[in-house]
Amino acid sequence: MGFGGISLSSLIIILVIILLLFGTKRLKSVGWDLGKALKGFKKAIQDDEDKKKEKK
């Protein structure tokens, strides 16, 4: 059993199809944007926690 009830071979086939549909440049761009969004989200959470600590 693989990831979330999907076998490893099925997961590889799905990833290959996605790669063929979108191409490597678009996937790289999506990954880059997702990484920046997660980094911004983490920074916002950290800033919020810092503000809460300052108020105490």
C-alpha atoms as a PDB file:
ATOM      1  CA  MET A   1       0.000   0.000   0.000  1.00  0.00           C
ATOM      2  CA  GLY A   2       1.330   3.408  -0.889  1.00  0.00           C
ATOM      3  CA  PHE A   3       0.199   6.914  -0.157  1.00  0.00           C
ATOM      4  CA  GLY A   4      -3.407   7.317   1.011  1.00  0.00           C
ATOM      5  CA  GLY A   5      -4.542   3.927  -0.260  1.00  0.00           C
ATOM      6  CA  ILE A   6      -2.964   4.458  -3.704  1.00  0.00           C
ATOM      7  CA  SER A   7      -0.341   1.933  -4.730  1.00  0.00           C
ATOM      8  CA  LEU A   8       3.131   3.135  -5.619  1.00  0.00           C
ATOM      9  CA  SER A   9       2.781   2.133  -9.277  1.00  0.00           C
ATOM     10  CA  SER A  10      -0.503   4.054  -9.591  1.00  0.00           C
ATOM     11  CA  LEU A  11       1.076   7.088  -7.979  1.00  0.00           C
ATOM     12  CA  ILE A  12       3.993   6.996 -10.431  1.00  0.00           C
ATOM     13  CA  ILE A  13       1.606   6.748 -13.393  1.00  0.00           C
ATOM     14  CA  ILE A  14      -0.398   9.723 -12.105  1.00  0.00           C
ATOM     15  CA  LEU A  15       2.769  11.785 -11.657  1.00  0.00           C
ATOM     16  CA  VAL A  16       3.956  10.954 -15.187  1.00  0.00           C
ATOM     17  CA  ILE A  17       0.581  11.988 -16.643  1.00  0.00           C
ATOM     18  CA  ILE A  18       0.681  15.275 -14.712  1.00  0.00           C
ATOM     19  CA  LEU A  19       4.221  15.884 -15.940  1.00  0.00           C
ATOM     20  CA  LEU A  20       3.164  15.253 -19.541  1.00  0.00           C
ATOM     21  CA  LEU A  21       0.112  17.506 -19.263  1.00  0.00           C
ATOM     22  CA  PHE A  22       1.757  20.489 -17.624  1.00  0.00           C
ATOM     23  CA  GLY A  23       5.410  20.189 -18.551  1.00  0.00           C
ATOM     24  CA  THR A  24       8.424  20.717 -16.347  1.00  0.00           C
ATOM     25  CA  LYS A  25       8.536  24.517 -16.555  1.00  0.00           C
ATOM     26  CA  ARG A  26       4.959  24.967 -15.383  1.00  0.00           C
ATOM     27  CA  LEU A  27       5.378  22.436 -12.571  1.00  0.00           C
ATOM     28  CA  LYS A  28       8.573  24.184 -11.480  1.00  0.00           C
ATOM     29  CA  SER A  29       6.705  27.488 -11.451  1.00  0.00           C
ATOM     30  CA  VAL A  30       3.838  26.017  -9.431  1.00  0.00           C
ATOM     31  CA  GLY A  31       6.287  24.505  -6.958  1.00  0.00           C
ATOM     32  CA  TRP A  32       8.130  27.807  -6.631  1.00  0.00           C
ATOM     33  CA  ASP A  33       4.882  29.718  -6.019  1.00  0.00           C
ATOM     34  CA  LEU A  34       3.684  27.148  -3.504  1.00  0.00           C
ATOM     35  CA  GLY A  35       6.985  27.336  -1.634  1.00  0.00           C
ATOM     36  CA  LYS A  36       6.820  31.136  -1.452  1.00  0.00           C
ATOM     37  CA  ALA A  37       3.219  30.963  -0.222  1.00  0.00           C
ATOM     38  CA  LEU A  38       4.120  28.483   2.525  1.00  0.00           C
ATOM     39  CA  LYS A  39       7.098  30.584   3.566  1.00  0.00           C
ATOM     40  CA  GLY A  40       4.875  33.677   3.777  1.00  0.00           C
ATOM     41  CA  PHE A  41       2.280  31.754   5.778  1.00  0.00           C
ATOM     42  CA  LYS A  42       4.891  30.532   8.274  1.00  0.00           C
ATOM     43  CA  LYS A  43       6.268  34.062   8.628  1.00  0.00           C
ATOM     44  CA  ALA A  44       2.783  35.462   9.290  1.00  0.00           C
ATOM     45  CA  ILE A  45       2.157  32.863  11.988  1.00  0.00           C
ATOM     46  CA  GLN A  46       5.526  33.588  13.604  1.00  0.00           C
ATOM     47  CA  ASP A  47       4.876  37.349  13.516  1.00  0.00           C
ATOM     48  CA  ASP A  48       1.467  36.808  15.120  1.00  0.00           C
ATOM     49  CA  GLU A  49       3.005  34.699  17.894  1.00  0.00           C
ATOM     50  CA  ASP A  50       5.669  37.351  18.484  1.00  0.00           C
ATOM     51  CA  LYS A  51       2.994  40.059  18.817  1.00  0.00           C
ATOM     52  CA  LYS A  52       1.078  37.928  21.322  1.00  0.00           C
ATOM     53  CA  LYS A  53       4.248  37.469  23.400  1.00  0.00           C
ATOM     54  CA  GLU A  54       4.883  41.236  23.384  1.00  0.00           C
ATOM     55  CA  LYS A  55       1.377  41.957  24.695  1.00  0.00           C
ATOM     56  CA  LYS A  56       1.839  39.692  27.724  1.00  0.00           C
END
